[in-house]
């Protein structure tokens, strides 16, 4: 008798345990966790994300948002190669998520904000009173003038600068890219099929003191402010956030106009050229992207934070910081419905 009664009893216990487990799991996925939320981001996203995180923390006091900026390509490598914990990944080029993360390391991406390229300087920069949107490349060529950009292998701003300089070849009918970069580095270029293909080797070499290269573009600001660098190619948002005087490049070069996408596509930059990590990036308008890696620990918190970021409050922050949202977000892969607008 006891044996017959024992089986149903054990079964009921098992069912109850299962229900409790499911309820607990559901709660952990639907309720933002307390504790840490790790965000890897592009250097140019650090300022707006820091402000968004501050606003988010007001209504989520138990969540400690930790933001770690770097070049976007470097941020990807932290996840894919170094296997570091990351709950939210926000990059200066959404295409890096499509090329490096999906499908192995992430399932989806949202393209959400934009920017433009500019040239920053200070009142101590040589010829700062003379430089304008028509003669900037002539100023950079002058003896004693120094200029900088970020490493294309680490940071989208770097390969976008190469794209802009190559587009200047088409716009001005001059060998701008060759004179400012190719002749002074081990970067190479070839014309193929009506397009300029630029190859950036993994061991980037700078052969002149005129050029300064750093892993991410925002670190060049310190050199500008210290007076050891005359001009730096940056995003407009960085210039606004640091209150730096800057030169606006023509629409054909600043990569800020979707209507000029076809012209931008005349240039293809190959980062990490000659290695298994080589990727070809066709010139395109600047668009930022965000995702949650498959290895995210605080999944519920990541979803809730991104939902807040993409809200009107996040939109206001990004607009003030010079990185306006797209009029309509672009969705790639299986984007969770809670994040769609």
C-alpha atoms as a PDB file:
ATOM      1  CA  UNK A   1       0.000   0.000   0.000  1.00  0.00           C
ATOM      2  CA  UNK A   2       2.751   2.379   0.947  1.00  0.00           C
ATOM      3  CA  UNK A   3       4.613   1.691  -2.286  1.00  0.00           C
ATOM      4  CA  UNK A   4       1.514   2.459  -4.365  1.00  0.00           C
ATOM      5  CA  UNK A   5       0.945   5.722  -2.481  1.00  0.00           C
ATOM      6  CA  UNK A   6       4.637   6.676  -2.662  1.00  0.00           C
ATOM      7  CA  UNK A   7       4.800   7.103  -6.441  1.00  0.00           C
ATOM      8  CA  UNK A   8       1.926   9.612  -6.739  1.00  0.00           C
ATOM      9  CA  UNK A   9       3.314  11.500  -3.749  1.00  0.00           C
ATOM     10  CA  UNK A  10       6.796  11.727  -5.278  1.00  0.00           C
ATOM     11  CA  UNK A  11       5.272  12.752  -8.591  1.00  0.00           C
ATOM     12  CA  UNK A  12       3.339  15.562  -6.907  1.00  0.00           C
ATOM     13  CA  UNK A  13       6.503  16.767  -5.216  1.00  0.00           C
ATOM     14  CA  UNK A  14       8.304  16.734  -8.550  1.00  0.00           C
ATOM     15  CA  UNK A  15       5.495  18.712 -10.220  1.00  0.00           C
ATOM     16  CA  UNK A  16       5.469  21.288  -7.425  1.00  0.00           C
ATOM     17  CA  UNK A  17       9.258  21.688  -7.661  1.00  0.00           C
ATOM     18  CA  UNK A  18       9.008  22.119 -11.419  1.00  0.00           C
ATOM     19  CA  UNK A  19       6.327  24.796 -11.072  1.00  0.00           C
ATOM     20  CA  UNK A  20       8.397  26.680  -8.517  1.00  0.00           C
ATOM     21  CA  UNK A  21      11.430  26.521 -10.821  1.00  0.00           C
ATOM     22  CA  UNK A  22       9.432  27.837 -13.796  1.00  0.00           C
ATOM     23  CA  UNK A  23       7.964  30.664 -11.740  1.00  0.00           C
ATOM     24  CA  UNK A  24      11.428  31.608 -10.491  1.00  0.00           C
ATOM     25  CA  UNK A  25      12.899  31.463 -13.996  1.00  0.00           C
ATOM     26  CA  UNK A  26      10.080  33.542 -15.427  1.00  0.00           C
ATOM     27  CA  UNK A  27      10.583  36.128 -12.744  1.00  0.00           C
ATOM     28  CA  UNK A  28      14.326  36.321 -13.388  1.00  0.00           C
ATOM     29  CA  UNK A  29      13.760  36.883 -17.095  1.00  0.00           C
ATOM     30  CA  UNK A  30      10.946  39.402 -16.753  1.00  0.00           C
ATOM     31  CA  UNK A  31      12.240  41.439 -13.807  1.00  0.00           C
ATOM     32  CA  UNK A  32      15.470  43.458 -14.174  1.00  0.00           C
ATOM     33  CA  UNK A  33      18.060  42.037 -11.840  1.00  0.00           C
ATOM     34  CA  UNK A  34      19.847  44.033  -9.245  1.00  0.00           C
ATOM     35  CA  UNK A  35      23.602  43.986  -9.255  1.00  0.00           C
ATOM     36  CA  UNK A  36      25.904  44.782 -12.142  1.00  0.00           C
ATOM     37  CA  UNK A  37      25.027  45.541 -15.747  1.00  0.00           C
ATOM     38  CA  UNK A  38      28.160  45.486 -17.931  1.00  0.00           C
ATOM     39  CA  UNK A  39      28.087  47.702 -21.025  1.00  0.00           C
ATOM     40  CA  UNK A  40      30.859  47.662 -23.644  1.00  0.00           C
ATOM     41  CA  UNK A  41      30.597  50.667 -25.947  1.00  0.00           C
ATOM     42  CA  UNK A  42      32.304  52.740 -28.598  1.00  0.00           C
ATOM     43  CA  UNK A  43      34.330  55.614 -27.183  1.00  0.00           C
ATOM     44  CA  UNK A  44      32.038  58.126 -28.897  1.00  0.00           C
ATOM     45  CA  UNK A  45      29.043  56.598 -27.076  1.00  0.00           C
ATOM     46  CA  UNK A  46      30.494  56.940 -23.590  1.00  0.00           C
ATOM     47  CA  UNK A  47      29.155  60.421 -22.797  1.00  0.00           C
ATOM     48  CA  UNK A  48      25.509  59.840 -23.821  1.00  0.00           C
ATOM     49  CA  UNK A  49      25.464  56.341 -22.320  1.00  0.00           C
ATOM     50  CA  UNK A  50      26.835  57.655 -19.048  1.00  0.00           C
ATOM     51  CA  UNK A  51      23.988  60.167 -18.893  1.00  0.00           C
ATOM     52  CA  UNK A  52      21.406  57.551 -19.876  1.00  0.00           C
ATOM     53  CA  UNK A  53      22.785  55.229 -17.193  1.00  0.00           C
ATOM     54  CA  UNK A  54      22.483  57.988 -14.598  1.00  0.00           C
ATOM     55  CA  UNK A  55      18.818  58.556 -15.494  1.00  0.00           C
ATOM     56  CA  UNK A  56      18.182  54.808 -15.551  1.00  0.00           C
ATOM     57  CA  UNK A  57      19.679  54.369 -12.088  1.00  0.00           C
ATOM     58  CA  UNK A  58      17.211  56.870 -10.626  1.00  0.00           C
ATOM     59  CA  UNK A  59      14.383  54.390 -11.195  1.00  0.00           C
ATOM     60  CA  UNK A  60      16.571  51.271 -10.793  1.00  0.00           C
ATOM     61  CA  UNK A  61      18.672  52.014  -7.689  1.00  0.00           C
ATOM     62  CA  UNK A  62      19.656  48.373  -7.295  1.00  0.00           C
ATOM     63  CA  UNK A  63      21.370  48.222 -10.693  1.00  0.00           C
ATOM     64  CA  UNK A  64      25.009  49.286 -11.016  1.00  0.00           C
ATOM     65  CA  UNK A  65      25.619  50.134 -14.684  1.00  0.00           C
ATOM     66  CA  UNK A  66      29.313  49.743 -15.522  1.00  0.00           C
ATOM     67  CA  UNK A  67      30.293  51.300 -18.854  1.00  0.00           C
ATOM     68  CA  UNK A  68      33.593  50.367 -20.497  1.00  0.00           C
ATOM     69  CA  UNK A  69      34.461  52.408 -23.615  1.00  0.00           C
ATOM     70  CA  UNK A  70      36.923  51.372 -26.324  1.00  0.00           C
ATOM     71  CA  UNK A  71      37.141  51.210 -30.079  1.00  0.00           C
ATOM     72  CA  UNK A  72      34.134  49.315 -31.436  1.00  0.00           C
ATOM     73  CA  UNK A  73      36.178  46.576 -33.090  1.00  0.00           C
ATOM     74  CA  UNK A  74      38.111  46.141 -29.857  1.00  0.00           C
ATOM     75  CA  UNK A  75      34.813  45.927 -27.947  1.00  0.00           C
ATOM     76  CA  UNK A  76      33.708  43.090 -30.207  1.00  0.00           C
ATOM     77  CA  UNK A  77      36.982  41.233 -29.635  1.00  0.00           C
ATOM     78  CA  UNK A  78      36.487  41.432 -25.871  1.00  0.00           C
ATOM     79  CA  UNK A  79      33.383  39.302 -26.364  1.00  0.00           C
ATOM     80  CA  UNK A  80      34.400  37.017 -29.226  1.00  0.00           C
ATOM     81  CA  UNK A  81      38.085  36.423 -28.435  1.00  0.00           C
ATOM     82  CA  UNK A  82      38.666  37.325 -24.777  1.00  0.00           C
ATOM     83  CA  UNK A  83      35.313  35.838 -23.668  1.00  0.00           C
ATOM     84  CA  UNK A  84      34.710  38.680 -21.240  1.00  0.00           C
ATOM     85  CA  UNK A  85      31.330  39.231 -19.676  1.00  0.00           C
ATOM     86  CA  UNK A  86      29.203  41.777 -21.513  1.00  0.00           C
ATOM     87  CA  UNK A  87      25.478  42.385 -21.037  1.00  0.00           C
ATOM     88  CA  UNK A  88      25.027  45.197 -23.566  1.00  0.00           C
ATOM     89  CA  UNK A  89      27.195  45.902 -26.623  1.00  0.00           C
ATOM     90  CA  UNK A  90      26.807  49.351 -28.245  1.00  0.00           C
ATOM     91  CA  UNK A  91      28.957  50.118 -31.290  1.00  0.00           C
ATOM     92  CA  UNK A  92      29.676  53.027 -33.615  1.00  0.00           C
ATOM     93  CA  UNK A  93      28.875  50.845 -36.640  1.00  0.00           C
ATOM     94  CA  UNK A  94      25.934  48.448 -36.488  1.00  0.00           C
ATOM     95  CA  UNK A  95      27.461  46.424 -39.330  1.00  0.00           C
ATOM     96  CA  UNK A  96      30.149  45.124 -36.972  1.00  0.00           C
ATOM     97  CA  UNK A  97      27.423  43.265 -35.086  1.00  0.00           C
ATOM     98  CA  UNK A  98      26.218  41.701 -38.343  1.00  0.00           C
ATOM     99  CA  UNK A  99      29.725  40.808 -39.499  1.00  0.00           C
ATOM    100  CA  UNK A 100      31.371  39.658 -36.257  1.00  0.00           C
ATOM    101  CA  UNK A 101      28.623  38.799 -33.757  1.00  0.00           C
ATOM    102  CA  UNK A 102      25.673  37.253 -35.607  1.00  0.00           C
ATOM    103  CA  UNK A 103      24.871  34.355 -35.497  1.00  0.00           C
ATOM    104  CA  UNK A 104      27.469  32.846 -33.155  1.00  0.00           C
ATOM    105  CA  UNK A 105      27.666  35.523 -30.454  1.00  0.00           C
ATOM    106  CA  UNK A 106      24.390  37.429 -30.863  1.00  0.00           C
ATOM    107  CA  UNK A 107      20.995  36.904 -32.452  1.00  0.00           C
ATOM    108  CA  UNK A 108      19.937  40.423 -33.376  1.00  0.00           C
ATOM    109  CA  UNK A 109      20.911  44.076 -33.742  1.00  0.00           C
ATOM    110  CA  UNK A 110      19.175  47.438 -33.684  1.00  0.00           C
ATOM    111  CA  UNK A 111      20.573  50.384 -35.688  1.00  0.00           C
ATOM    112  CA  UNK A 112      19.461  53.505 -33.842  1.00  0.00           C
ATOM    113  CA  UNK A 113      21.588  56.688 -34.062  1.00  0.00           C
ATOM    114  CA  UNK A 114      23.764  58.652 -36.457  1.00  0.00           C
ATOM    115  CA  UNK A 115      26.662  61.146 -36.567  1.00  0.00           C
ATOM    116  CA  UNK A 116      28.997  63.014 -38.923  1.00  0.00           C
ATOM    117  CA  UNK A 117      32.759  63.335 -39.392  1.00  0.00           C
ATOM    118  CA  UNK A 118      34.462  66.645 -38.619  1.00  0.00           C
ATOM    119  CA  UNK A 119      38.005  67.933 -38.087  1.00  0.00           C
ATOM    120  CA  UNK A 120      38.676  69.273 -34.581  1.00  0.00           C
ATOM    121  CA  UNK A 121      41.342  71.801 -33.640  1.00  0.00           C
ATOM    122  CA  UNK A 122      42.150  74.417 -30.998  1.00  0.00           C
ATOM    123  CA  UNK A 123      43.250  78.038 -31.060  1.00  0.00           C
ATOM    124  CA  UNK A 124      46.826  76.738 -30.718  1.00  0.00           C
ATOM    125  CA  UNK A 125      46.596  74.605 -33.879  1.00  0.00           C
ATOM    126  CA  UNK A 126      48.815  75.800 -36.707  1.00  0.00           C
ATOM    127  CA  UNK A 127      46.898  77.806 -39.329  1.00  0.00           C
ATOM    128  CA  UNK A 128      43.662  77.471 -37.361  1.00  0.00           C
ATOM    129  CA  UNK A 129      42.609  80.932 -38.548  1.00  0.00           C
ATOM    130  CA  UNK A 130      43.083  79.961 -42.174  1.00  0.00           C
ATOM    131  CA  UNK A 131      41.596  76.466 -42.391  1.00  0.00           C
ATOM    132  CA  UNK A 132      38.197  76.032 -44.035  1.00  0.00           C
ATOM    133  CA  UNK A 133      36.083  73.420 -45.813  1.00  0.00           C
ATOM    134  CA  UNK A 134      37.859  74.112 -49.112  1.00  0.00           C
ATOM    135  CA  UNK A 135      41.536  74.103 -48.092  1.00  0.00           C
ATOM    136  CA  UNK A 136      41.700  71.701 -45.113  1.00  0.00           C
ATOM    137  CA  UNK A 137      43.711  69.090 -47.004  1.00  0.00           C
ATOM    138  CA  UNK A 138      46.196  71.715 -48.139  1.00  0.00           C
ATOM    139  CA  UNK A 139      46.606  72.863 -44.526  1.00  0.00           C
ATOM    140  CA  UNK A 140      47.240  69.288 -43.361  1.00  0.00           C
ATOM    141  CA  UNK A 141      49.942  68.886 -46.028  1.00  0.00           C
ATOM    142  CA  UNK A 142      51.935  71.895 -44.766  1.00  0.00           C
ATOM    143  CA  UNK A 143      55.285  71.474 -43.070  1.00  0.00           C
ATOM    144  CA  UNK A 144      55.066  71.106 -39.315  1.00  0.00           C
ATOM    145  CA  UNK A 145      51.323  70.441 -39.190  1.00  0.00           C
ATOM    146  CA  UNK A 146      50.263  67.288 -37.313  1.00  0.00           C
ATOM    147  CA  UNK A 147      46.966  65.428 -37.602  1.00  0.00           C
ATOM    148  CA  UNK A 148      45.495  62.282 -36.134  1.00  0.00           C
ATOM    149  CA  UNK A 149      42.832  59.630 -36.481  1.00  0.00           C
ATOM    150  CA  UNK A 150      41.977  56.399 -34.715  1.00  0.00           C
ATOM    151  CA  UNK A 151      43.312  52.973 -35.688  1.00  0.00           C
ATOM    152  CA  UNK A 152      40.996  51.567 -38.383  1.00  0.00           C
ATOM    153  CA  UNK A 153      41.556  48.058 -37.018  1.00  0.00           C
ATOM    154  CA  UNK A 154      40.153  49.078 -33.631  1.00  0.00           C
ATOM    155  CA  UNK A 155      37.701  51.867 -34.244  1.00  0.00           C
ATOM    156  CA  UNK A 156      35.056  52.625 -36.918  1.00  0.00           C
ATOM    157  CA  UNK A 157      35.981  56.316 -36.832  1.00  0.00           C
ATOM    158  CA  UNK A 158      39.402  55.285 -38.161  1.00  0.00           C
ATOM    159  CA  UNK A 159      38.153  53.374 -41.176  1.00  0.00           C
ATOM    160  CA  UNK A 160      35.559  56.078 -41.789  1.00  0.00           C
ATOM    161  CA  UNK A 161      38.331  58.674 -41.943  1.00  0.00           C
ATOM    162  CA  UNK A 162      40.079  56.584 -44.599  1.00  0.00           C
ATOM    163  CA  UNK A 163      36.774  56.376 -46.452  1.00  0.00           C
ATOM    164  CA  UNK A 164      36.341  60.155 -46.325  1.00  0.00           C
ATOM    165  CA  UNK A 165      39.892  60.815 -47.526  1.00  0.00           C
ATOM    166  CA  UNK A 166      39.409  58.380 -50.413  1.00  0.00           C
ATOM    167  CA  UNK A 167      36.114  60.040 -51.307  1.00  0.00           C
ATOM    168  CA  UNK A 168      38.038  63.332 -51.386  1.00  0.00           C
ATOM    169  CA  UNK A 169      39.996  61.846 -54.302  1.00  0.00           C
ATOM    170  CA  UNK A 170      36.741  61.631 -56.261  1.00  0.00           C
ATOM    171  CA  UNK A 171      35.374  64.969 -55.038  1.00  0.00           C
ATOM    172  CA  UNK A 172      38.467  67.107 -55.643  1.00  0.00           C
ATOM    173  CA  UNK A 173      40.222  65.135 -58.368  1.00  0.00           C
ATOM    174  CA  UNK A 174      43.316  65.028 -56.149  1.00  0.00           C
ATOM    175  CA  UNK A 175      45.285  62.177 -54.570  1.00  0.00           C
ATOM    176  CA  UNK A 176      44.251  63.243 -51.061  1.00  0.00           C
ATOM    177  CA  UNK A 177      44.311  59.756 -49.520  1.00  0.00           C
ATOM    178  CA  UNK A 178      47.714  58.968 -50.969  1.00  0.00           C
ATOM    179  CA  UNK A 179      49.277  62.261 -49.869  1.00  0.00           C
ATOM    180  CA  UNK A 180      47.860  62.274 -46.339  1.00  0.00           C
ATOM    181  CA  UNK A 181      47.923  58.563 -45.452  1.00  0.00           C
ATOM    182  CA  UNK A 182      49.190  56.001 -47.968  1.00  0.00           C
ATOM    183  CA  UNK A 183      52.579  57.676 -48.547  1.00  0.00           C
ATOM    184  CA  UNK A 184      53.126  57.909 -44.789  1.00  0.00           C
ATOM    185  CA  UNK A 185      51.987  54.460 -43.589  1.00  0.00           C
ATOM    186  CA  UNK A 186      51.929  50.816 -44.685  1.00  0.00           C
ATOM    187  CA  UNK A 187      48.283  51.171 -45.707  1.00  0.00           C
ATOM    188  CA  UNK A 188      47.804  50.398 -49.396  1.00  0.00           C
ATOM    189  CA  UNK A 189      45.122  51.234 -51.947  1.00  0.00           C
ATOM    190  CA  UNK A 190      44.059  49.924 -55.338  1.00  0.00           C
ATOM    191  CA  UNK A 191      41.372  50.915 -57.798  1.00  0.00           C
ATOM    192  CA  UNK A 192      39.136  48.049 -58.865  1.00  0.00           C
ATOM    193  CA  UNK A 193      35.786  48.066 -60.603  1.00  0.00           C
ATOM    194  CA  UNK A 194      35.383  51.818 -60.262  1.00  0.00           C
ATOM    195  CA  UNK A 195      35.981  51.678 -56.508  1.00  0.00           C
ATOM    196  CA  UNK A 196      38.947  52.396 -54.263  1.00  0.00           C
ATOM    197  CA  UNK A 197      39.900  49.459 -52.035  1.00  0.00           C
ATOM    198  CA  UNK A 198      41.979  50.356 -48.987  1.00  0.00           C
ATOM    199  CA  UNK A 199      43.942  47.662 -47.125  1.00  0.00           C
ATOM    200  CA  UNK A 200      44.874  48.174 -43.481  1.00  0.00           C
ATOM    201  CA  UNK A 201      47.356  45.531 -42.235  1.00  0.00           C
ATOM    202  CA  UNK A 202      47.043  44.338 -38.628  1.00  0.00           C
ATOM    203  CA  UNK A 203      50.461  45.790 -37.764  1.00  0.00           C
ATOM    204  CA  UNK A 204      49.743  49.379 -38.785  1.00  0.00           C
ATOM    205  CA  UNK A 205      52.964  51.360 -39.198  1.00  0.00           C
ATOM    206  CA  UNK A 206      53.253  55.150 -39.167  1.00  0.00           C
ATOM    207  CA  UNK A 207      56.322  56.376 -41.026  1.00  0.00           C
ATOM    208  CA  UNK A 208      56.166  60.068 -40.120  1.00  0.00           C
ATOM    209  CA  UNK A 209      55.731  62.288 -37.100  1.00  0.00           C
ATOM    210  CA  UNK A 210      52.966  64.191 -38.896  1.00  0.00           C
ATOM    211  CA  UNK A 211      50.408  61.479 -38.112  1.00  0.00           C
ATOM    212  CA  UNK A 212      49.235  60.363 -34.668  1.00  0.00           C
ATOM    213  CA  UNK A 213      47.103  57.233 -34.348  1.00  0.00           C
ATOM    214  CA  UNK A 214      45.313  56.035 -31.228  1.00  0.00           C
ATOM    215  CA  UNK A 215      43.090  53.037 -30.526  1.00  0.00           C
ATOM    216  CA  UNK A 216      39.934  55.148 -30.213  1.00  0.00           C
ATOM    217  CA  UNK A 217      39.252  58.594 -31.614  1.00  0.00           C
ATOM    218  CA  UNK A 218      38.292  60.322 -28.359  1.00  0.00           C
ATOM    219  CA  UNK A 219      41.767  59.775 -26.900  1.00  0.00           C
ATOM    220  CA  UNK A 220      43.109  62.199 -29.508  1.00  0.00           C
ATOM    221  CA  UNK A 221      41.288  65.012 -27.698  1.00  0.00           C
ATOM    222  CA  UNK A 222      43.883  65.008 -24.917  1.00  0.00           C
ATOM    223  CA  UNK A 223      46.629  65.524 -27.499  1.00  0.00           C
ATOM    224  CA  UNK A 224      44.704  68.424 -29.039  1.00  0.00           C
ATOM    225  CA  UNK A 225      44.134  70.094 -25.692  1.00  0.00           C
ATOM    226  CA  UNK A 226      47.780  69.600 -24.721  1.00  0.00           C
ATOM    227  CA  UNK A 227      48.887  71.335 -27.910  1.00  0.00           C
ATOM    228  CA  UNK A 228      50.842  68.319 -29.213  1.00  0.00           C
ATOM    229  CA  UNK A 229      48.392  67.715 -32.068  1.00  0.00           C
ATOM    230  CA  UNK A 230      47.042  70.320 -34.479  1.00  0.00           C
ATOM    231  CA  UNK A 231      44.048  68.563 -36.035  1.00  0.00           C
ATOM    232  CA  UNK A 232      42.039  65.433 -35.237  1.00  0.00           C
ATOM    233  CA  UNK A 233      39.412  63.653 -37.300  1.00  0.00           C
ATOM    234  CA  UNK A 234      36.479  63.086 -34.965  1.00  0.00           C
ATOM    235  CA  UNK A 235      32.746  62.604 -34.824  1.00  0.00           C
ATOM    236  CA  UNK A 236      30.727  65.795 -34.587  1.00  0.00           C
ATOM    237  CA  UNK A 237      29.271  64.556 -31.303  1.00  0.00           C
ATOM    238  CA  UNK A 238      32.758  64.403 -29.752  1.00  0.00           C
ATOM    239  CA  UNK A 239      33.418  67.998 -30.812  1.00  0.00           C
ATOM    240  CA  UNK A 240      30.112  69.120 -29.300  1.00  0.00           C
ATOM    241  CA  UNK A 241      30.591  67.219 -26.047  1.00  0.00           C
ATOM    242  CA  UNK A 242      34.130  68.569 -25.570  1.00  0.00           C
ATOM    243  CA  UNK A 243      33.225  72.062 -26.809  1.00  0.00           C
ATOM    244  CA  UNK A 244      35.961  72.023 -29.413  1.00  0.00           C
ATOM    245  CA  UNK A 245      36.090  74.251 -32.494  1.00  0.00           C
ATOM    246  CA  UNK A 246      35.711  72.080 -35.550  1.00  0.00           C
ATOM    247  CA  UNK A 247      35.548  72.186 -39.290  1.00  0.00           C
ATOM    248  CA  UNK A 248      32.492  70.752 -40.988  1.00  0.00           C
ATOM    249  CA  UNK A 249      33.379  68.577 -43.959  1.00  0.00           C
ATOM    250  CA  UNK A 250      31.289  68.641 -47.148  1.00  0.00           C
ATOM    251  CA  UNK A 251      28.287  66.258 -47.190  1.00  0.00           C
ATOM    252  CA  UNK A 252      30.123  64.100 -49.721  1.00  0.00           C
ATOM    253  CA  UNK A 253      32.811  63.415 -47.116  1.00  0.00           C
ATOM    254  CA  UNK A 254      31.200  63.566 -43.661  1.00  0.00           C
ATOM    255  CA  UNK A 255      29.229  60.297 -44.084  1.00  0.00           C
ATOM    256  CA  UNK A 256      26.158  61.890 -42.544  1.00  0.00           C
ATOM    257  CA  UNK A 257      23.753  61.879 -45.480  1.00  0.00           C
ATOM    258  CA  UNK A 258      21.791  58.733 -46.435  1.00  0.00           C
ATOM    259  CA  UNK A 259      20.961  60.370 -49.771  1.00  0.00           C
ATOM    260  CA  UNK A 260      24.672  60.098 -50.660  1.00  0.00           C
ATOM    261  CA  UNK A 261      24.951  56.382 -49.856  1.00  0.00           C
ATOM    262  CA  UNK A 262      25.744  55.501 -53.449  1.00  0.00           C
ATOM    263  CA  UNK A 263      28.640  57.966 -53.544  1.00  0.00           C
ATOM    264  CA  UNK A 264      29.969  56.771 -50.175  1.00  0.00           C
ATOM    265  CA  UNK A 265      30.009  53.199 -51.500  1.00  0.00           C
ATOM    266  CA  UNK A 266      32.776  54.086 -53.971  1.00  0.00           C
ATOM    267  CA  UNK A 267      35.245  53.182 -51.193  1.00  0.00           C
ATOM    268  CA  UNK A 268      35.821  49.838 -49.477  1.00  0.00           C
ATOM    269  CA  UNK A 269      38.120  49.566 -46.440  1.00  0.00           C
ATOM    270  CA  UNK A 270      39.612  46.160 -45.576  1.00  0.00           C
ATOM    271  CA  UNK A 271      40.531  46.073 -41.885  1.00  0.00           C
ATOM    272  CA  UNK A 272      42.937  43.442 -40.526  1.00  0.00           C
ATOM    273  CA  UNK A 273      43.908  42.843 -44.154  1.00  0.00           C
ATOM    274  CA  UNK A 274      45.573  39.530 -44.894  1.00  0.00           C
ATOM    275  CA  UNK A 275      44.331  37.776 -41.754  1.00  0.00           C
ATOM    276  CA  UNK A 276      41.419  35.491 -40.915  1.00  0.00           C
ATOM    277  CA  UNK A 277      39.796  38.521 -39.228  1.00  0.00           C
ATOM    278  CA  UNK A 278      39.817  40.608 -42.418  1.00  0.00           C
ATOM    279  CA  UNK A 279      36.510  42.339 -43.089  1.00  0.00           C
ATOM    280  CA  UNK A 280      35.571  44.531 -46.034  1.00  0.00           C
ATOM    281  CA  UNK A 281      33.575  47.608 -45.014  1.00  0.00           C
ATOM    282  CA  UNK A 282      31.947  49.542 -47.821  1.00  0.00           C
ATOM    283  CA  UNK A 283      31.542  53.274 -47.335  1.00  0.00           C
ATOM    284  CA  UNK A 284      28.130  54.075 -45.871  1.00  0.00           C
ATOM    285  CA  UNK A 285      26.365  56.661 -43.692  1.00  0.00           C
ATOM    286  CA  UNK A 286      27.343  56.553 -40.009  1.00  0.00           C
ATOM    287  CA  UNK A 287      24.845  54.486 -38.022  1.00  0.00           C
ATOM    288  CA  UNK A 288      25.266  53.170 -34.458  1.00  0.00           C
ATOM    289  CA  UNK A 289      24.064  49.743 -33.353  1.00  0.00           C
ATOM    290  CA  UNK A 290      23.269  47.853 -30.165  1.00  0.00           C
ATOM    291  CA  UNK A 291      22.747  44.223 -29.140  1.00  0.00           C
ATOM    292  CA  UNK A 292      22.833  41.795 -26.226  1.00  0.00           C
ATOM    293  CA  UNK A 293      25.465  39.039 -26.511  1.00  0.00           C
ATOM    294  CA  UNK A 294      24.269  35.464 -26.087  1.00  0.00           C
ATOM    295  CA  UNK A 295      26.573  35.175 -23.072  1.00  0.00           C
ATOM    296  CA  UNK A 296      24.933  38.081 -21.206  1.00  0.00           C
ATOM    297  CA  UNK A 297      24.608  37.365 -17.494  1.00  0.00           C
ATOM    298  CA  UNK A 298      22.034  40.037 -16.631  1.00  0.00           C
ATOM    299  CA  UNK A 299      19.709  39.386 -19.556  1.00  0.00           C
ATOM    300  CA  UNK A 300      16.600  40.968 -18.032  1.00  0.00           C
ATOM    301  CA  UNK A 301      18.564  44.049 -16.978  1.00  0.00           C
ATOM    302  CA  UNK A 302      20.111  44.350 -20.448  1.00  0.00           C
ATOM    303  CA  UNK A 303      16.706  44.288 -22.148  1.00  0.00           C
ATOM    304  CA  UNK A 304      15.278  46.827 -19.720  1.00  0.00           C
ATOM    305  CA  UNK A 305      18.265  49.157 -20.097  1.00  0.00           C
ATOM    306  CA  UNK A 306      18.098  49.078 -23.907  1.00  0.00           C
ATOM    307  CA  UNK A 307      14.346  49.696 -23.793  1.00  0.00           C
ATOM    308  CA  UNK A 308      15.026  52.776 -21.641  1.00  0.00           C
ATOM    309  CA  UNK A 309      17.870  53.914 -23.909  1.00  0.00           C
ATOM    310  CA  UNK A 310      15.640  53.742 -26.997  1.00  0.00           C
ATOM    311  CA  UNK A 311      12.819  55.637 -25.282  1.00  0.00           C
ATOM    312  CA  UNK A 312      12.084  59.354 -25.679  1.00  0.00           C
ATOM    313  CA  UNK A 313      14.285  60.096 -22.660  1.00  0.00           C
ATOM    314  CA  UNK A 314      17.215  58.389 -24.354  1.00  0.00           C
ATOM    315  CA  UNK A 315      16.396  60.168 -27.610  1.00  0.00           C
ATOM    316  CA  UNK A 316      16.623  63.557 -25.860  1.00  0.00           C
ATOM    317  CA  UNK A 317      20.015  62.704 -24.362  1.00  0.00           C
ATOM    318  CA  UNK A 318      21.487  61.581 -27.663  1.00  0.00           C
ATOM    319  CA  UNK A 319      20.148  64.637 -29.480  1.00  0.00           C
ATOM    320  CA  UNK A 320      21.813  66.985 -26.978  1.00  0.00           C
ATOM    321  CA  UNK A 321      25.055  65.036 -27.340  1.00  0.00           C
ATOM    322  CA  UNK A 322      25.090  65.424 -31.127  1.00  0.00           C
ATOM    323  CA  UNK A 323      24.060  61.861 -31.985  1.00  0.00           C
ATOM    324  CA  UNK A 324      20.425  62.098 -33.102  1.00  0.00           C
ATOM    325  CA  UNK A 325      18.332  58.951 -33.376  1.00  0.00           C
ATOM    326  CA  UNK A 326      17.252  57.660 -36.747  1.00  0.00           C
ATOM    327  CA  UNK A 327      13.693  58.602 -37.655  1.00  0.00           C
ATOM    328  CA  UNK A 328      13.004  54.872 -37.749  1.00  0.00           C
ATOM    329  CA  UNK A 329      15.128  52.214 -36.095  1.00  0.00           C
ATOM    330  CA  UNK A 330      16.441  49.379 -38.262  1.00  0.00           C
ATOM    331  CA  UNK A 331      15.998  45.826 -36.976  1.00  0.00           C
ATOM    332  CA  UNK A 332      18.161  42.842 -37.880  1.00  0.00           C
ATOM    333  CA  UNK A 333      17.605  39.240 -36.803  1.00  0.00           C
ATOM    334  CA  UNK A 334      15.229  38.177 -34.068  1.00  0.00           C
ATOM    335  CA  UNK A 335      14.879  41.462 -32.189  1.00  0.00           C
ATOM    336  CA  UNK A 336      12.718  40.956 -29.064  1.00  0.00           C
ATOM    337  CA  UNK A 337       9.268  42.484 -29.484  1.00  0.00           C
ATOM    338  CA  UNK A 338       9.644  44.504 -26.285  1.00  0.00           C
ATOM    339  CA  UNK A 339      12.431  46.522 -27.974  1.00  0.00           C
ATOM    340  CA  UNK A 340      10.536  47.339 -31.166  1.00  0.00           C
ATOM    341  CA  UNK A 341       8.784  50.664 -31.636  1.00  0.00           C
END
